[in-house]
Amino acid sequence: MLPLLQFAADGTDHTLAQAADVIAEKFALSEGDRNEMLPSGGQRKLFNRVGWSRTYMVKAGLLEASGRGKFRITARGLAALKTKPGKINVDFLNQYPEFVNFRTAGRTVSVGVPDATDTSVAVSQQTPQELLEVSYQTLHRQIAQELLDKISSASPRFFEKLVVDLLVAMGYGGSRKDAGQAIGKSGDGGIDGIIKEDRLGLDAVYIQAKRWKSTVGRPDVQNFAGSLEGHRARKGVFITTSQFSVEAKDYVTRIEKKIILIDGEQLANLSLEFGIGVAPVISYRIQRIDLDYFEEE
């Protein structure tokens, strides 16, 4: 926040994009640092940090909006710079009642973030959007692990049902009835079968799924590739609740057949993405100011 206020000290109007470039230069950020995205991939972290810094200082009265997407320093902001602060953070801004009201408005409880280890910045220095996204990612990982535990402990018949439901949700197999008929062979802790690649059945995909705890090695994948040859199939998906060895992953990159390997972590994440075995609890909609709405003709 201090570099942003110093940047605005000339008293002219500035944009967030200009500020982001200046701050990136000041901190000697690499190209990778400048382009690092938030976990959601929806915005660059640098731009998000600069935006929230501006918001905080506007609420504290150090900056003010001066037009569409623009800001400038205020008399209070100039006075703050004259005190030559070593840094400007939340503690510094708490001296301004307007900022305290902004931070405490609507707050009834104080909660901690489950896991902020994905960033080197302390929780108190993260923007509200970063805190929300870090919390979301933490919950996502926790639920994915719980889901994988449930899948791994399920019966072979239930595992078969889950795989069918997932493939249909992903757009394979036509209807669920078609997919169920195609993948109906259960046994040995997994399922095997052929499923339509699309609703029209223009191509077929051979499926092998193993509810295993041990690592799936190259020989298992190699046997699967041989099964594809026996069925004259060109595409296959090998699904496991465990993981694949490095040799198995390397093997599928060097053969003519197209084989996709889905390990337990990917299986859980796909199940979450397509809503298999989970139910929504609550949704948050993040909004921004519509600058076009406030544009006066």
C-alpha atoms as a PDB file:
ATOM      1  CA  MET A   1       0.000   0.000   0.000  1.00  0.00           C
ATOM      2  CA  LEU A   2       2.838   2.434   0.707  1.00  0.00           C
ATOM      3  CA  PRO A   3       4.299   2.193  -2.835  1.00  0.00           C
ATOM      4  CA  LEU A   4       0.806   2.732  -4.251  1.00  0.00           C
ATOM      5  CA  LEU A   5       0.285   5.876  -2.166  1.00  0.00           C
ATOM      6  CA  GLN A   6       3.759   7.135  -3.096  1.00  0.00           C
ATOM      7  CA  PHE A   7       2.937   6.540  -6.761  1.00  0.00           C
ATOM      8  CA  ALA A   8      -0.185   8.701  -6.400  1.00  0.00           C
ATOM      9  CA  ALA A   9       1.683  11.470  -4.558  1.00  0.00           C
ATOM     10  CA  ASP A  10       1.944  13.594  -7.718  1.00  0.00           C
ATOM     11  CA  GLY A  11      -1.732  14.450  -7.294  1.00  0.00           C
ATOM     12  CA  THR A  12      -2.777  13.407 -10.811  1.00  0.00           C
ATOM     13  CA  ASP A  13      -5.288  10.741 -11.843  1.00  0.00           C
ATOM     14  CA  HIS A  14      -3.977   7.189 -12.243  1.00  0.00           C
ATOM     15  CA  THR A  15      -5.321   3.779 -13.267  1.00  0.00           C
ATOM     16  CA  LEU A  16      -4.782   0.416 -11.610  1.00  0.00           C
ATOM     17  CA  ALA A  17      -2.924  -0.844 -14.672  1.00  0.00           C
ATOM     18  CA  GLN A  18      -0.430   2.019 -14.402  1.00  0.00           C
ATOM     19  CA  ALA A  19      -0.007   1.394 -10.686  1.00  0.00           C
ATOM     20  CA  ALA A  20       0.503  -2.348 -11.193  1.00  0.00           C
ATOM     21  CA  ASP A  21       3.310  -1.714 -13.705  1.00  0.00           C
ATOM     22  CA  VAL A  22       5.073   0.764 -11.408  1.00  0.00           C
ATOM     23  CA  ILE A  23       4.793  -1.513  -8.365  1.00  0.00           C
ATOM     24  CA  ALA A  24       6.010  -4.523 -10.360  1.00  0.00           C
ATOM     25  CA  GLU A  25       9.083  -2.503 -11.346  1.00  0.00           C
ATOM     26  CA  LYS A  26       9.662  -1.327  -7.753  1.00  0.00           C
ATOM     27  CA  PHE A  27       9.666  -4.873  -6.409  1.00  0.00           C
ATOM     28  CA  ALA A  28      11.618  -6.186  -9.424  1.00  0.00           C
ATOM     29  CA  LEU A  29       8.985  -8.800 -10.132  1.00  0.00           C
ATOM     30  CA  SER A  30       9.815 -11.392 -12.760  1.00  0.00           C
ATOM     31  CA  GLU A  31       7.530 -12.032 -15.705  1.00  0.00           C
ATOM     32  CA  GLY A  32       6.237 -15.108 -13.883  1.00  0.00           C
ATOM     33  CA  ASP A  33       5.499 -13.081 -10.752  1.00  0.00           C
ATOM     34  CA  ARG A  34       3.646 -10.455 -12.780  1.00  0.00           C
ATOM     35  CA  ASN A  35       1.498 -13.067 -14.488  1.00  0.00           C
ATOM     36  CA  GLU A  36       0.829 -15.304 -11.464  1.00  0.00           C
ATOM     37  CA  MET A  37      -2.904 -15.946 -11.235  1.00  0.00           C
ATOM     38  CA  LEU A  38      -5.231 -16.371  -8.289  1.00  0.00           C
ATOM     39  CA  PRO A  39      -6.138 -20.032  -7.587  1.00  0.00           C
ATOM     40  CA  SER A  40      -9.364 -19.597  -9.550  1.00  0.00           C
ATOM     41  CA  GLY A  41      -7.437 -18.374 -12.594  1.00  0.00           C
ATOM     42  CA  GLY A  42      -9.797 -15.421 -12.891  1.00  0.00           C
ATOM     43  CA  GLN A  43      -7.347 -12.585 -12.279  1.00  0.00           C
ATOM     44  CA  ARG A  44      -3.666 -11.835 -11.924  1.00  0.00           C
ATOM     45  CA  LYS A  45      -2.621 -11.793  -8.262  1.00  0.00           C
ATOM     46  CA  LEU A  46      -0.637  -8.564  -8.739  1.00  0.00           C
ATOM     47  CA  PHE A  47      -3.650  -6.720 -10.147  1.00  0.00           C
ATOM     48  CA  ASN A  48      -5.866  -8.129  -7.385  1.00  0.00           C
ATOM     49  CA  ARG A  49      -3.436  -6.956  -4.677  1.00  0.00           C
ATOM     50  CA  VAL A  50      -3.148  -3.480  -6.178  1.00  0.00           C
ATOM     51  CA  GLY A  51      -6.930  -3.260  -6.505  1.00  0.00           C
ATOM     52  CA  TRP A  52      -7.524  -4.161  -2.876  1.00  0.00           C
ATOM     53  CA  SER A  53      -4.762  -1.802  -1.748  1.00  0.00           C
ATOM     54  CA  ARG A  54      -6.565   1.000  -3.535  1.00  0.00           C
ATOM     55  CA  THR A  55      -9.895  -0.054  -1.993  1.00  0.00           C
ATOM     56  CA  TYR A  56      -8.432  -0.114   1.520  1.00  0.00           C
ATOM     57  CA  MET A  57      -6.884   3.318   1.158  1.00  0.00           C
ATOM     58  CA  VAL A  58     -10.023   4.767  -0.407  1.00  0.00           C
ATOM     59  CA  LYS A  59     -11.980   3.508   2.598  1.00  0.00           C
ATOM     60  CA  ALA A  60      -9.355   5.087   4.883  1.00  0.00           C
ATOM     61  CA  GLY A  61      -9.616   8.383   3.006  1.00  0.00           C
ATOM     62  CA  LEU A  62      -6.036   8.348   1.701  1.00  0.00           C
ATOM     63  CA  LEU A  63      -7.150   7.927  -1.908  1.00  0.00           C
ATOM     64  CA  GLU A  64     -10.353   8.825  -3.727  1.00  0.00           C
ATOM     65  CA  ALA A  65     -12.051   7.714  -6.919  1.00  0.00           C
ATOM     66  CA  SER A  66     -11.583  10.307  -9.634  1.00  0.00           C
ATOM     67  CA  GLY A  67     -13.431   8.842 -12.605  1.00  0.00           C
ATOM     68  CA  ARG A  68     -14.036   5.575 -14.347  1.00  0.00           C
ATOM     69  CA  GLY A  69     -11.367   3.191 -13.068  1.00  0.00           C
ATOM     70  CA  LYS A  70      -9.185   6.057 -11.840  1.00  0.00           C
ATOM     71  CA  PHE A  71      -8.008   7.294  -8.451  1.00  0.00           C
ATOM     72  CA  ARG A  72      -5.920  10.077  -6.942  1.00  0.00           C
ATOM     73  CA  ILE A  73      -4.417  10.987  -3.599  1.00  0.00           C
ATOM     74  CA  THR A  74      -6.297  13.072  -1.013  1.00  0.00           C
ATOM     75  CA  ALA A  75      -5.105  15.696   1.473  1.00  0.00           C
ATOM     76  CA  ARG A  76      -5.195  12.979   4.129  1.00  0.00           C
ATOM     77  CA  GLY A  77      -3.060  10.756   1.952  1.00  0.00           C
ATOM     78  CA  LEU A  78      -0.469  13.520   1.472  1.00  0.00           C
ATOM     79  CA  ALA A  79      -0.461  14.144   5.228  1.00  0.00           C
ATOM     80  CA  ALA A  80       0.138  10.419   5.832  1.00  0.00           C
ATOM     81  CA  LEU A  81       3.156  10.444   3.513  1.00  0.00           C
ATOM     82  CA  LYS A  82       4.627  13.436   5.352  1.00  0.00           C
ATOM     83  CA  THR A  83       4.895  11.267   8.482  1.00  0.00           C
ATOM     84  CA  LYS A  84       7.323   9.075   6.493  1.00  0.00           C
ATOM     85  CA  PRO A  85       5.759   5.730   7.473  1.00  0.00           C
ATOM     86  CA  GLY A  86       7.956   2.656   7.124  1.00  0.00           C
ATOM     87  CA  LYS A  87       4.984   0.783   5.707  1.00  0.00           C
ATOM     88  CA  ILE A  88       1.236   1.087   5.343  1.00  0.00           C
ATOM     89  CA  ASN A  89      -0.756  -1.966   6.408  1.00  0.00           C
ATOM     90  CA  VAL A  90      -4.050  -2.757   8.124  1.00  0.00           C
ATOM     91  CA  ASP A  91      -2.668  -1.723  11.509  1.00  0.00           C
ATOM     92  CA  PHE A  92      -1.659   1.655  10.082  1.00  0.00           C
ATOM     93  CA  LEU A  93      -5.094   2.192   8.497  1.00  0.00           C
ATOM     94  CA  ASN A  94      -6.885   1.327  11.738  1.00  0.00           C
ATOM     95  CA  GLN A  95      -6.155   4.887  12.945  1.00  0.00           C
ATOM     96  CA  TYR A  96      -8.881   6.081  10.572  1.00  0.00           C
ATOM     97  CA  PRO A  97     -12.452   5.494  11.868  1.00  0.00           C
ATOM     98  CA  GLU A  98     -13.838   5.143   8.336  1.00  0.00           C
ATOM     99  CA  PHE A  99     -11.532   2.212   7.659  1.00  0.00           C
ATOM    100  CA  VAL A 100     -12.378   0.535  10.969  1.00  0.00           C
ATOM    101  CA  ASN A 101     -16.085   0.839  10.137  1.00  0.00           C
ATOM    102  CA  PHE A 102     -15.439  -0.654   6.709  1.00  0.00           C
ATOM    103  CA  ARG A 103     -13.549  -3.619   8.156  1.00  0.00           C
ATOM    104  CA  THR A 104     -16.025  -4.362  10.939  1.00  0.00           C
ATOM    105  CA  ALA A 105     -19.308  -3.691   9.124  1.00  0.00           C
ATOM    106  CA  GLY A 106     -21.526  -6.780   9.302  1.00  0.00           C
ATOM    107  CA  ARG A 107     -18.898  -8.821  11.131  1.00  0.00           C
ATOM    108  CA  THR A 108     -20.325 -10.996  13.919  1.00  0.00           C
ATOM    109  CA  VAL A 109     -17.605 -13.568  14.458  1.00  0.00           C
ATOM    110  CA  SER A 110     -13.897 -13.845  13.837  1.00  0.00           C
ATOM    111  CA  VAL A 111     -12.869 -16.966  11.992  1.00  0.00           C
ATOM    112  CA  GLY A 112      -9.495 -18.300  10.968  1.00  0.00           C
ATOM    113  CA  VAL A 113      -8.472 -19.566   7.566  1.00  0.00           C
ATOM    114  CA  PRO A 114      -8.091 -23.378   7.570  1.00  0.00           C
ATOM    115  CA  ASP A 115      -4.892 -23.336   5.548  1.00  0.00           C
ATOM    116  CA  ALA A 116      -2.962 -20.426   4.124  1.00  0.00           C
ATOM    117  CA  THR A 117       0.184 -22.357   3.335  1.00  0.00           C
ATOM    118  CA  ASP A 118      -0.303 -21.970  -0.413  1.00  0.00           C
ATOM    119  CA  THR A 119       1.086 -18.439  -0.236  1.00  0.00           C
ATOM    120  CA  SER A 120       4.185 -16.944   1.320  1.00  0.00           C
ATOM    121  CA  VAL A 121       2.215 -13.900   2.447  1.00  0.00           C
ATOM    122  CA  ALA A 122       0.782 -13.886   5.966  1.00  0.00           C
ATOM    123  CA  VAL A 123      -2.980 -14.215   6.302  1.00  0.00           C
ATOM    124  CA  SER A 124      -3.271 -10.654   7.604  1.00  0.00           C
ATOM    125  CA  GLN A 125      -1.672  -9.382   4.390  1.00  0.00           C
ATOM    126  CA  GLN A 126      -3.957 -11.243   2.015  1.00  0.00           C
ATOM    127  CA  THR A 127      -6.835  -9.569   0.243  1.00  0.00           C
ATOM    128  CA  PRO A 128     -10.383 -10.721   1.065  1.00  0.00           C
ATOM    129  CA  GLN A 129     -10.622 -12.392  -2.336  1.00  0.00           C
ATOM    130  CA  GLU A 130      -7.361 -14.273  -1.749  1.00  0.00           C
ATOM    131  CA  LEU A 131      -8.541 -15.421   1.675  1.00  0.00           C
ATOM    132  CA  LEU A 132     -11.794 -16.662   0.151  1.00  0.00           C
ATOM    133  CA  GLU A 133     -10.016 -18.519  -2.630  1.00  0.00           C
ATOM    134  CA  VAL A 134      -7.411 -20.069  -0.313  1.00  0.00           C
ATOM    135  CA  SER A 135     -10.216 -21.236   1.977  1.00  0.00           C
ATOM    136  CA  TYR A 136     -12.098 -22.656  -1.019  1.00  0.00           C
ATOM    137  CA  GLN A 137      -9.037 -24.543  -2.250  1.00  0.00           C
ATOM    138  CA  THR A 138      -8.447 -25.950   1.248  1.00  0.00           C
ATOM    139  CA  LEU A 139     -12.040 -27.174   1.498  1.00  0.00           C
ATOM    140  CA  HIS A 140     -11.827 -28.583  -2.023  1.00  0.00           C
ATOM    141  CA  ARG A 141      -8.767 -30.672  -1.158  1.00  0.00           C
ATOM    142  CA  GLN A 142     -10.336 -31.862   2.078  1.00  0.00           C
ATOM    143  CA  ILE A 143     -13.582 -32.942   0.403  1.00  0.00           C
ATOM    144  CA  ALA A 144     -11.696 -34.577  -2.473  1.00  0.00           C
ATOM    145  CA  GLN A 145      -9.726 -36.700   0.001  1.00  0.00           C
ATOM    146  CA  GLU A 146     -12.883 -37.681   1.897  1.00  0.00           C
ATOM    147  CA  LEU A 147     -14.568 -38.550  -1.389  1.00  0.00           C
ATOM    148  CA  LEU A 148     -11.648 -40.722  -2.473  1.00  0.00           C
ATOM    149  CA  ASP A 149     -11.738 -42.537   0.887  1.00  0.00           C
ATOM    150  CA  LYS A 150     -15.452 -43.253   0.359  1.00  0.00           C
ATOM    151  CA  ILE A 151     -14.863 -44.478  -3.184  1.00  0.00           C
ATOM    152  CA  SER A 152     -11.972 -46.714  -2.112  1.00  0.00           C
ATOM    153  CA  SER A 153     -14.055 -48.371   0.614  1.00  0.00           C
ATOM    154  CA  ALA A 154     -17.141 -48.873  -1.579  1.00  0.00           C
ATOM    155  CA  SER A 155     -18.202 -52.244  -2.968  1.00  0.00           C
ATOM    156  CA  PRO A 156     -17.239 -53.243  -6.536  1.00  0.00           C
ATOM    157  CA  ARG A 157     -20.885 -52.818  -7.618  1.00  0.00           C
ATOM    158  CA  PHE A 158     -21.053 -49.301  -6.209  1.00  0.00           C
ATOM    159  CA  PHE A 159     -17.706 -48.451  -7.787  1.00  0.00           C
ATOM    160  CA  GLU A 160     -19.141 -49.589 -11.105  1.00  0.00           C
ATOM    161  CA  LYS A 161     -22.147 -47.319 -10.629  1.00  0.00           C
ATOM    162  CA  LEU A 162     -19.956 -44.327  -9.758  1.00  0.00           C
ATOM    163  CA  VAL A 163     -17.767 -44.770 -12.823  1.00  0.00           C
ATOM    164  CA  VAL A 164     -20.830 -45.050 -15.056  1.00  0.00           C
ATOM    165  CA  ASP A 165     -22.400 -41.952 -13.506  1.00  0.00           C
ATOM    166  CA  LEU A 166     -19.168 -40.001 -13.939  1.00  0.00           C
ATOM    167  CA  LEU A 167     -18.654 -41.005 -17.558  1.00  0.00           C
ATOM    168  CA  VAL A 168     -22.235 -40.113 -18.454  1.00  0.00           C
ATOM    169  CA  ALA A 169     -21.909 -36.765 -16.657  1.00  0.00           C
ATOM    170  CA  MET A 170     -18.769 -36.115 -18.712  1.00  0.00           C
ATOM    171  CA  GLY A 171     -20.716 -36.733 -21.922  1.00  0.00           C
ATOM    172  CA  TYR A 172     -19.747 -40.329 -22.690  1.00  0.00           C
ATOM    173  CA  GLY A 173     -21.948 -43.370 -23.124  1.00  0.00           C
ATOM    174  CA  GLY A 174     -25.084 -41.751 -24.500  1.00  0.00           C
ATOM    175  CA  SER A 175     -27.785 -42.362 -21.879  1.00  0.00           C
ATOM    176  CA  ARG A 176     -27.110 -43.871 -18.489  1.00  0.00           C
ATOM    177  CA  LYS A 177     -28.986 -47.001 -19.607  1.00  0.00           C
ATOM    178  CA  ASP A 178     -26.670 -47.375 -22.609  1.00  0.00           C
ATOM    179  CA  ALA A 179     -23.596 -46.857 -20.442  1.00  0.00           C
ATOM    180  CA  GLY A 180     -24.791 -49.284 -17.798  1.00  0.00           C
ATOM    181  CA  GLN A 181     -25.316 -51.992 -20.392  1.00  0.00           C
ATOM    182  CA  ALA A 182     -21.899 -51.335 -21.922  1.00  0.00           C
ATOM    183  CA  ILE A 183     -19.961 -51.461 -18.648  1.00  0.00           C
ATOM    184  CA  GLY A 184     -21.834 -54.225 -16.895  1.00  0.00           C
ATOM    185  CA  LYS A 185     -18.942 -56.575 -16.137  1.00  0.00           C
ATOM    186  CA  SER A 186     -17.916 -56.424 -12.493  1.00  0.00           C
ATOM    187  CA  GLY A 187     -15.287 -58.411 -10.674  1.00  0.00           C
ATOM    188  CA  ASP A 188     -11.865 -58.339  -9.069  1.00  0.00           C
ATOM    189  CA  GLY A 189     -12.540 -54.990  -7.405  1.00  0.00           C
ATOM    190  CA  GLY A 190     -13.082 -53.175 -10.705  1.00  0.00           C
ATOM    191  CA  ILE A 191     -15.035 -53.002 -13.942  1.00  0.00           C
ATOM    192  CA  ASP A 192     -14.214 -53.462 -17.596  1.00  0.00           C
ATOM    193  CA  GLY A 193     -16.210 -52.684 -20.670  1.00  0.00           C
ATOM    194  CA  ILE A 194     -16.726 -50.633 -23.793  1.00  0.00           C
ATOM    195  CA  ILE A 195     -18.592 -47.352 -23.833  1.00  0.00           C
ATOM    196  CA  LYS A 196     -19.660 -44.943 -26.561  1.00  0.00           C
ATOM    197  CA  GLU A 197     -17.371 -41.964 -27.002  1.00  0.00           C
ATOM    198  CA  ASP A 198     -20.387 -39.771 -27.755  1.00  0.00           C
ATOM    199  CA  ARG A 199     -24.162 -39.996 -27.955  1.00  0.00           C
ATOM    200  CA  LEU A 200     -24.056 -41.029 -31.612  1.00  0.00           C
ATOM    201  CA  GLY A 201     -21.642 -43.870 -30.930  1.00  0.00           C
ATOM    202  CA  LEU A 202     -19.199 -42.741 -33.625  1.00  0.00           C
ATOM    203  CA  ASP A 203     -16.337 -44.348 -31.723  1.00  0.00           C
ATOM    204  CA  ALA A 204     -15.852 -46.587 -28.722  1.00  0.00           C
ATOM    205  CA  VAL A 205     -13.690 -46.212 -25.645  1.00  0.00           C
ATOM    206  CA  TYR A 206     -12.465 -49.239 -23.710  1.00  0.00           C
ATOM    207  CA  ILE A 207     -12.682 -48.781 -19.948  1.00  0.00           C
ATOM    208  CA  GLN A 208     -10.749 -50.497 -17.213  1.00  0.00           C
ATOM    209  CA  ALA A 209     -11.226 -49.423 -13.599  1.00  0.00           C
ATOM    210  CA  LYS A 210      -9.438 -50.878 -10.606  1.00  0.00           C
ATOM    211  CA  ARG A 211     -10.402 -50.158  -6.995  1.00  0.00           C
ATOM    212  CA  TRP A 212      -6.869 -50.754  -5.808  1.00  0.00           C
ATOM    213  CA  LYS A 213      -4.670 -49.477  -2.981  1.00  0.00           C
ATOM    214  CA  SER A 214      -1.377 -50.562  -4.540  1.00  0.00           C
ATOM    215  CA  THR A 215       0.313 -48.621  -7.335  1.00  0.00           C
ATOM    216  CA  VAL A 216      -0.675 -49.554 -10.876  1.00  0.00           C
ATOM    217  CA  GLY A 217       2.522 -50.455 -12.702  1.00  0.00           C
ATOM    218  CA  ARG A 218       3.552 -50.648 -16.314  1.00  0.00           C
ATOM    219  CA  PRO A 219       2.678 -54.359 -16.709  1.00  0.00           C
ATOM    220  CA  ASP A 220      -0.966 -53.637 -15.766  1.00  0.00           C
ATOM    221  CA  VAL A 221      -1.185 -50.801 -18.289  1.00  0.00           C
ATOM    222  CA  GLN A 222       0.622 -52.890 -20.883  1.00  0.00           C
ATOM    223  CA  ASN A 223      -1.942 -55.680 -20.446  1.00  0.00           C
ATOM    224  CA  PHE A 224      -4.680 -53.095 -20.895  1.00  0.00           C
ATOM    225  CA  ALA A 225      -3.069 -51.930 -24.137  1.00  0.00           C
ATOM    226  CA  GLY A 226      -3.057 -55.557 -25.288  1.00  0.00           C
ATOM    227  CA  SER A 227      -6.763 -55.794 -24.525  1.00  0.00           C
ATOM    228  CA  LEU A 228      -7.342 -52.756 -26.726  1.00  0.00           C
ATOM    229  CA  GLU A 229      -5.551 -54.528 -29.561  1.00  0.00           C
ATOM    230  CA  GLY A 230      -7.715 -57.592 -29.062  1.00  0.00           C
ATOM    231  CA  HIS A 231     -10.874 -55.486 -29.326  1.00  0.00           C
ATOM    232  CA  ARG A 232      -9.490 -53.476 -32.252  1.00  0.00           C
ATOM    233  CA  ALA A 233      -9.968 -50.384 -30.087  1.00  0.00           C
ATOM    234  CA  ARG A 234      -7.902 -47.236 -30.519  1.00  0.00           C
ATOM    235  CA  LYS A 235      -8.808 -45.444 -27.295  1.00  0.00           C
ATOM    236  CA  GLY A 236      -8.877 -46.451 -23.658  1.00  0.00           C
ATOM    237  CA  VAL A 237      -9.259 -45.050 -20.169  1.00  0.00           C
ATOM    238  CA  PHE A 238      -7.649 -46.727 -17.175  1.00  0.00           C
ATOM    239  CA  ILE A 239      -9.152 -45.563 -13.861  1.00  0.00           C
ATOM    240  CA  THR A 240      -7.777 -46.453 -10.445  1.00  0.00           C
ATOM    241  CA  THR A 241      -8.374 -45.332  -6.873  1.00  0.00           C
ATOM    242  CA  SER A 242      -4.614 -45.523  -6.216  1.00  0.00           C
ATOM    243  CA  GLN A 243      -1.856 -44.099  -8.425  1.00  0.00           C
ATOM    244  CA  PHE A 244       0.212 -44.995 -11.481  1.00  0.00           C
ATOM    245  CA  SER A 245       3.933 -45.630 -11.467  1.00  0.00           C
ATOM    246  CA  VAL A 246       6.303 -43.365 -13.376  1.00  0.00           C
ATOM    247  CA  GLU A 247       6.993 -46.243 -15.776  1.00  0.00           C
ATOM    248  CA  ALA A 248       3.275 -46.660 -16.482  1.00  0.00           C
ATOM    249  CA  LYS A 249       2.865 -42.970 -17.230  1.00  0.00           C
ATOM    250  CA  ASP A 250       5.905 -43.002 -19.484  1.00  0.00           C
ATOM    251  CA  TYR A 251       4.677 -46.096 -21.323  1.00  0.00           C
ATOM    252  CA  VAL A 252       1.384 -44.536 -22.501  1.00  0.00           C
ATOM    253  CA  THR A 253       3.248 -41.604 -24.049  1.00  0.00           C
ATOM    254  CA  ARG A 254       5.231 -43.902 -26.316  1.00  0.00           C
ATOM    255  CA  ILE A 255       2.561 -46.169 -27.790  1.00  0.00           C
ATOM    256  CA  GLU A 256       0.283 -45.668 -30.754  1.00  0.00           C
ATOM    257  CA  LYS A 257      -2.899 -46.320 -28.781  1.00  0.00           C
ATOM    258  CA  LYS A 258      -4.444 -43.381 -26.966  1.00  0.00           C
ATOM    259  CA  ILE A 259      -4.708 -44.359 -23.299  1.00  0.00           C
ATOM    260  CA  ILE A 260      -5.734 -41.892 -20.603  1.00  0.00           C
ATOM    261  CA  LEU A 261      -4.693 -42.668 -17.034  1.00  0.00           C
ATOM    262  CA  ILE A 262      -6.928 -41.364 -14.229  1.00  0.00           C
ATOM    263  CA  ASP A 263      -5.551 -41.880 -10.734  1.00  0.00           C
ATOM    264  CA  GLY A 264      -7.396 -41.562  -7.430  1.00  0.00           C
ATOM    265  CA  GLU A 265      -6.752 -37.847  -7.033  1.00  0.00           C
ATOM    266  CA  GLN A 266      -8.004 -37.091 -10.538  1.00  0.00           C
ATOM    267  CA  LEU A 267     -11.001 -39.382 -10.030  1.00  0.00           C
ATOM    268  CA  ALA A 268     -11.990 -37.484  -6.895  1.00  0.00           C
ATOM    269  CA  ASN A 269     -11.514 -34.095  -8.561  1.00  0.00           C
ATOM    270  CA  LEU A 270     -13.550 -35.136 -11.608  1.00  0.00           C
ATOM    271  CA  SER A 271     -16.292 -36.433  -9.322  1.00  0.00           C
ATOM    272  CA  LEU A 272     -16.336 -33.060  -7.556  1.00  0.00           C
ATOM    273  CA  GLU A 273     -16.322 -31.134 -10.828  1.00  0.00           C
ATOM    274  CA  PHE A 274     -19.258 -33.096 -12.252  1.00  0.00           C
ATOM    275  CA  GLY A 275     -21.171 -33.403  -8.977  1.00  0.00           C
ATOM    276  CA  ILE A 276     -20.875 -37.164  -8.488  1.00  0.00           C
ATOM    277  CA  GLY A 277     -21.218 -38.282  -4.863  1.00  0.00           C
ATOM    278  CA  VAL A 278     -21.382 -34.728  -3.528  1.00  0.00           C
ATOM    279  CA  ALA A 279     -24.133 -32.203  -2.875  1.00  0.00           C
ATOM    280  CA  PRO A 280     -23.880 -28.382  -2.891  1.00  0.00           C
ATOM    281  CA  VAL A 281     -24.046 -26.669   0.490  1.00  0.00           C
ATOM    282  CA  ILE A 282     -23.740 -22.967  -0.243  1.00  0.00           C
ATOM    283  CA  SER A 283     -22.742 -20.709  -3.133  1.00  0.00           C
ATOM    284  CA  TYR A 284     -21.092 -17.300  -3.026  1.00  0.00           C
ATOM    285  CA  ARG A 285     -21.377 -14.814  -5.873  1.00  0.00           C
ATOM    286  CA  ILE A 286     -18.563 -12.276  -6.044  1.00  0.00           C
ATOM    287  CA  GLN A 287     -19.574  -9.053  -7.731  1.00  0.00           C
ATOM    288  CA  ARG A 288     -17.737  -5.952  -8.916  1.00  0.00           C
ATOM    289  CA  ILE A 289     -18.806  -2.392  -9.627  1.00  0.00           C
ATOM    290  CA  ASP A 290     -20.255  -1.957 -13.120  1.00  0.00           C
ATOM    291  CA  LEU A 291     -18.362   1.136 -14.255  1.00  0.00           C
ATOM    292  CA  ASP A 292     -20.460   1.377 -17.441  1.00  0.00           C
ATOM    293  CA  TYR A 293     -23.595   1.828 -15.345  1.00  0.00           C
ATOM    294  CA  PHE A 294     -22.153   4.890 -13.669  1.00  0.00           C
ATOM    295  CA  GLU A 295     -20.895   6.442 -16.904  1.00  0.00           C
ATOM    296  CA  GLU A 296     -22.842   9.665 -17.412  1.00  0.00           C
ATOM    297  CA  GLU A 297     -23.550  10.801 -20.932  1.00  0.00           C
END
